[in-house]
């Protein structure tokens, strides 16, 4: 099954003009269900909308909150640094032909 992210589905732009395009909530829910992401479909179904079109302001707030939380987690957990520390010696050994 393809990996589908809610954030990729809830906002769209016209590639020629850069203008924001309306996104139908049911289209997002259907795409997530088709990908087998039932939890994501439930989240998308709960998003505010006007006549079935996602509320742009609510989407913006959600994306900013999500990004902010990811940044906070990155700063707190230092996952990239931990991965580099863990994988660095292994990758160096592979490069030397040691594995």
N, C-alpha and C. Protein backbone atom coordinates (compact mmCIF):
# COMPACT_ATOMS: atom_id res chain seq x y z
N UNK A 1 0.82 -1.19 0.00
CA UNK A 1 0.00 0.00 0.00
C UNK A 1 0.87 1.26 0.00
N UNK A 2 0.46 2.24 -0.74
CA UNK A 2 1.25 3.49 -0.75
C UNK A 2 1.14 4.22 0.59
N UNK A 3 2.21 4.89 0.97
CA UNK A 3 2.19 5.71 2.17
C UNK A 3 1.62 7.06 1.78
N UNK A 4 0.59 7.46 2.48
CA UNK A 4 -0.07 8.73 2.20
C UNK A 4 -0.08 9.53 3.50
N UNK A 5 0.33 10.78 3.42
CA UNK A 5 0.33 11.64 4.60
C UNK A 5 -0.81 12.64 4.51
N UNK A 6 -1.46 12.84 5.65
CA UNK A 6 -2.57 13.79 5.70
C UNK A 6 -2.12 15.16 5.19
N UNK A 7 -0.94 15.59 5.63
CA UNK A 7 -0.47 16.93 5.25
C UNK A 7 -0.30 17.09 3.75
N UNK A 8 -0.04 16.00 3.04
CA UNK A 8 0.09 16.08 1.58
C UNK A 8 -1.28 16.20 0.90
N UNK A 9 -2.32 15.83 1.61
CA UNK A 9 -3.65 15.80 1.01
C UNK A 9 -4.52 17.01 1.36
N UNK A 10 -4.25 17.66 2.48
CA UNK A 10 -5.18 18.69 2.96
C UNK A 10 -4.90 20.08 2.40
N UNK A 11 -3.84 20.21 1.64
CA UNK A 11 -3.54 21.51 1.04
C UNK A 11 -3.07 21.27 -0.40
N UNK A 12 -3.59 22.09 -1.31
CA UNK A 12 -3.22 21.96 -2.73
C UNK A 12 -3.05 23.34 -3.33
N UNK A 13 -2.16 23.40 -4.32
CA UNK A 13 -1.90 24.65 -5.02
C UNK A 13 -1.95 24.41 -6.52
N UNK A 14 -2.35 25.41 -7.25
CA UNK A 14 -2.29 25.39 -8.70
C UNK A 14 -0.82 25.51 -9.08
N UNK A 15 -0.29 24.55 -9.82
CA UNK A 15 1.13 24.57 -10.16
C UNK A 15 1.51 25.72 -11.08
N UNK A 16 0.57 26.21 -11.86
CA UNK A 16 0.88 27.30 -12.79
C UNK A 16 0.87 28.66 -12.09
N UNK A 17 -0.08 28.85 -11.18
CA UNK A 17 -0.25 30.18 -10.58
C UNK A 17 0.19 30.24 -9.12
N UNK A 18 0.27 29.09 -8.47
CA UNK A 18 0.59 29.08 -7.04
C UNK A 18 -0.61 29.37 -6.17
N UNK A 19 -1.77 29.56 -6.79
CA UNK A 19 -2.99 29.86 -6.04
C UNK A 19 -3.44 28.63 -5.24
N UNK A 20 -3.94 28.91 -4.08
CA UNK A 20 -4.47 27.84 -3.22
C UNK A 20 -5.74 27.29 -3.85
N UNK A 21 -5.88 25.96 -3.86
CA UNK A 21 -7.06 25.32 -4.41
C UNK A 21 -7.91 24.74 -3.29
N UNK A 22 -9.21 24.72 -3.46
CA UNK A 22 -10.07 24.10 -2.45
C UNK A 22 -9.83 22.59 -2.39
N UNK A 23 -9.94 22.04 -1.19
CA UNK A 23 -9.75 20.61 -1.00
C UNK A 23 -11.01 20.05 -0.34
N UNK A 24 -11.61 19.07 -0.98
CA UNK A 24 -12.82 18.45 -0.43
C UNK A 24 -12.44 17.43 0.64
N UNK A 25 -13.06 17.58 1.79
CA UNK A 25 -12.77 16.69 2.91
C UNK A 25 -13.01 15.23 2.55
N UNK A 26 -14.09 14.94 1.85
CA UNK A 26 -14.38 13.55 1.49
C UNK A 26 -13.31 12.95 0.58
N UNK A 27 -12.69 13.78 -0.26
CA UNK A 27 -11.60 13.29 -1.13
C UNK A 27 -10.40 12.87 -0.28
N UNK A 28 -10.10 13.66 0.75
CA UNK A 28 -8.99 13.34 1.64
C UNK A 28 -9.28 12.05 2.39
N UNK A 29 -10.48 11.95 2.94
CA UNK A 29 -10.87 10.75 3.69
C UNK A 29 -10.80 9.52 2.79
N UNK A 30 -11.31 9.63 1.57
CA UNK A 30 -11.28 8.50 0.63
C UNK A 30 -9.86 8.08 0.30
N UNK A 31 -8.98 9.04 0.07
CA UNK A 31 -7.58 8.71 -0.27
C UNK A 31 -6.91 7.99 0.90
N UNK A 32 -7.17 8.44 2.11
CA UNK A 32 -6.57 7.80 3.28
C UNK A 32 -7.12 6.39 3.49
N UNK A 33 -8.41 6.24 3.31
CA UNK A 33 -9.01 4.90 3.43
C UNK A 33 -8.45 3.97 2.37
N UNK A 34 -8.31 4.47 1.14
CA UNK A 34 -7.77 3.65 0.04
C UNK A 34 -6.35 3.19 0.35
N UNK A 35 -5.61 4.01 1.11
CA UNK A 35 -4.23 3.67 1.48
C UNK A 35 -4.20 2.80 2.74
N UNK A 36 -5.38 2.51 3.31
CA UNK A 36 -5.43 1.68 4.51
C UNK A 36 -5.16 2.45 5.80
N UNK A 37 -5.17 3.77 5.72
CA UNK A 37 -4.90 4.60 6.90
C UNK A 37 -6.22 5.01 7.54
N UNK A 38 -6.77 4.11 8.32
CA UNK A 38 -8.08 4.34 8.94
C UNK A 38 -8.00 5.43 10.00
N UNK A 39 -6.92 5.47 10.76
CA UNK A 39 -6.77 6.51 11.78
C UNK A 39 -6.68 7.89 11.11
N UNK A 40 -5.87 7.98 10.06
CA UNK A 40 -5.77 9.23 9.32
C UNK A 40 -7.10 9.65 8.73
N UNK A 41 -7.87 8.68 8.25
CA UNK A 41 -9.19 8.99 7.69
C UNK A 41 -10.11 9.56 8.76
N UNK A 42 -10.04 9.02 9.98
CA UNK A 42 -10.86 9.55 11.08
C UNK A 42 -10.43 10.98 11.43
N UNK A 43 -9.12 11.22 11.43
CA UNK A 43 -8.63 12.58 11.72
C UNK A 43 -9.12 13.54 10.65
N UNK A 44 -8.97 13.16 9.39
CA UNK A 44 -9.40 14.03 8.28
C UNK A 44 -10.90 14.27 8.33
N UNK A 45 -11.66 13.26 8.69
CA UNK A 45 -13.12 13.41 8.75
C UNK A 45 -13.54 14.42 9.82
N UNK A 46 -12.67 14.63 10.81
CA UNK A 46 -13.02 15.56 11.89
C UNK A 46 -12.57 17.00 11.61
N UNK A 47 -11.89 17.23 10.50
CA UNK A 47 -11.40 18.58 10.19
C UNK A 47 -12.57 19.51 9.85
N UNK A 48 -12.47 20.76 10.30
CA UNK A 48 -13.53 21.73 9.99
C UNK A 48 -13.65 21.95 8.48
N UNK A 49 -14.88 22.16 8.05
CA UNK A 49 -15.13 22.38 6.62
C UNK A 49 -16.33 23.29 6.43
N UNK A 50 -16.45 23.78 5.22
CA UNK A 50 -17.60 24.59 4.81
C UNK A 50 -18.18 23.92 3.57
N UNK A 51 -19.35 23.36 3.71
CA UNK A 51 -20.01 22.66 2.60
C UNK A 51 -19.10 21.59 1.99
N UNK A 52 -18.33 20.90 2.84
CA UNK A 52 -17.48 19.80 2.38
C UNK A 52 -16.09 20.20 1.96
N UNK A 53 -15.80 21.50 1.88
CA UNK A 53 -14.46 21.99 1.52
C UNK A 53 -13.73 22.35 2.80
N UNK A 54 -12.52 21.83 2.96
CA UNK A 54 -11.76 22.08 4.18
C UNK A 54 -11.59 23.57 4.45
N UNK A 55 -11.70 23.93 5.71
CA UNK A 55 -11.51 25.31 6.14
C UNK A 55 -10.03 25.65 6.05
N UNK A 56 -9.67 26.60 5.18
CA UNK A 56 -8.26 26.93 4.95
C UNK A 56 -7.56 27.41 6.21
N UNK A 57 -8.22 28.21 7.01
CA UNK A 57 -7.60 28.71 8.24
C UNK A 57 -7.34 27.58 9.22
N UNK A 58 -8.27 26.66 9.33
CA UNK A 58 -8.09 25.52 10.23
C UNK A 58 -6.95 24.64 9.75
N UNK A 59 -6.84 24.46 8.43
CA UNK A 59 -5.75 23.66 7.87
C UNK A 59 -4.41 24.33 8.16
N UNK A 60 -4.35 25.65 7.96
CA UNK A 60 -3.11 26.39 8.25
C UNK A 60 -2.70 26.22 9.70
N UNK A 61 -3.66 26.38 10.63
CA UNK A 61 -3.35 26.23 12.05
C UNK A 61 -2.87 24.83 12.37
N UNK A 62 -3.51 23.82 11.77
CA UNK A 62 -3.11 22.44 12.00
C UNK A 62 -1.69 22.20 11.50
N UNK A 63 -1.36 22.69 10.31
CA UNK A 63 -0.02 22.48 9.76
C UNK A 63 1.04 23.18 10.60
N UNK A 64 0.75 24.38 11.07
CA UNK A 64 1.71 25.10 11.91
C UNK A 64 1.89 24.37 13.24
N UNK A 65 0.79 23.93 13.87
CA UNK A 65 0.89 23.18 15.14
C UNK A 65 1.71 21.90 14.96
N UNK A 66 1.45 21.18 13.87
CA UNK A 66 2.15 19.93 13.60
C UNK A 66 3.63 20.18 13.38
N UNK A 67 3.95 21.17 12.58
CA UNK A 67 5.35 21.50 12.31
C UNK A 67 6.07 21.92 13.60
N UNK A 68 5.40 22.73 14.39
CA UNK A 68 5.98 23.19 15.66
C UNK A 68 6.25 22.02 16.59
N UNK A 69 5.33 21.09 16.66
CA UNK A 69 5.52 19.92 17.53
C UNK A 69 6.66 19.04 17.01
N UNK A 70 6.75 18.87 15.71
CA UNK A 70 7.86 18.09 15.16
C UNK A 70 9.20 18.75 15.45
N UNK A 71 9.26 20.07 15.33
CA UNK A 71 10.48 20.81 15.67
C UNK A 71 10.84 20.62 17.14
N UNK A 72 9.83 20.72 18.01
CA UNK A 72 10.06 20.55 19.44
C UNK A 72 10.59 19.15 19.75
N UNK A 73 9.99 18.15 19.15
CA UNK A 73 10.44 16.78 19.37
C UNK A 73 11.87 16.58 18.85
N UNK A 74 12.17 17.17 17.70
CA UNK A 74 13.52 17.06 17.17
C UNK A 74 14.53 17.68 18.12
N UNK A 75 14.21 18.83 18.66
CA UNK A 75 15.12 19.50 19.60
C UNK A 75 15.26 18.71 20.89
N UNK A 76 14.16 18.12 21.35
CA UNK A 76 14.20 17.38 22.61
C UNK A 76 14.90 16.03 22.46
N UNK A 77 14.59 15.31 21.40
CA UNK A 77 15.09 13.95 21.26
C UNK A 77 16.40 13.85 20.49
N UNK A 78 16.72 14.85 19.68
CA UNK A 78 17.96 14.85 18.90
C UNK A 78 18.12 13.55 18.11
N UNK A 79 17.07 13.18 17.41
CA UNK A 79 17.05 11.90 16.70
C UNK A 79 18.12 11.85 15.61
N UNK A 80 18.29 12.92 14.86
CA UNK A 80 19.29 12.91 13.79
C UNK A 80 20.68 12.70 14.35
N UNK A 81 21.00 13.39 15.45
CA UNK A 81 22.32 13.23 16.06
C UNK A 81 22.52 11.82 16.60
N UNK A 82 21.46 11.26 17.19
CA UNK A 82 21.55 9.91 17.73
C UNK A 82 21.75 8.89 16.61
N UNK A 83 21.05 9.08 15.51
CA UNK A 83 21.23 8.16 14.37
C UNK A 83 22.64 8.26 13.80
N UNK A 84 23.14 9.48 13.68
CA UNK A 84 24.50 9.66 13.17
C UNK A 84 25.51 8.99 14.09
N UNK A 85 25.32 9.14 15.38
CA UNK A 85 26.23 8.52 16.36
C UNK A 85 26.16 7.00 16.29
N UNK A 86 24.96 6.48 16.10
CA UNK A 86 24.77 5.03 16.04
C UNK A 86 25.24 4.44 14.72
N UNK A 87 24.88 5.09 13.62
CA UNK A 87 25.17 4.53 12.30
C UNK A 87 26.53 4.92 11.75
N UNK A 88 27.12 6.01 12.24
CA UNK A 88 28.40 6.47 11.73
C UNK A 88 29.47 5.40 11.73
N UNK A 89 29.74 4.75 12.86
CA UNK A 89 30.76 3.70 12.89
C UNK A 89 30.41 2.52 11.97
N UNK A 90 29.14 2.17 11.90
CA UNK A 90 28.73 1.06 11.04
C UNK A 90 28.98 1.40 9.57
N UNK A 91 28.59 2.59 9.17
CA UNK A 91 28.79 3.00 7.78
C UNK A 91 30.28 3.13 7.45
N UNK A 92 31.06 3.60 8.41
CA UNK A 92 32.51 3.68 8.19
C UNK A 92 33.11 2.30 7.99
N UNK A 93 32.64 1.32 8.77
CA UNK A 93 33.13 -0.06 8.63
C UNK A 93 32.75 -0.63 7.28
N UNK A 94 31.54 -0.37 6.84
CA UNK A 94 31.08 -0.85 5.53
C UNK A 94 31.92 -0.22 4.42
N UNK A 95 32.21 1.07 4.55
CA UNK A 95 33.02 1.76 3.54
C UNK A 95 34.44 1.19 3.47
N UNK A 96 34.95 0.74 4.61
CA UNK A 96 36.30 0.14 4.64
C UNK A 96 36.27 -1.31 4.18
N UNK A 97 35.04 -1.85 3.98
CA UNK A 97 34.93 -3.26 3.58
C UNK A 97 35.01 -4.19 4.76
N UNK A 98 34.71 -3.68 5.94
CA UNK A 98 34.83 -4.48 7.16
C UNK A 98 33.62 -5.30 7.50
N UNK A 99 32.54 -5.21 6.74
CA UNK A 99 31.34 -5.98 7.06
C UNK A 99 31.03 -6.98 5.97
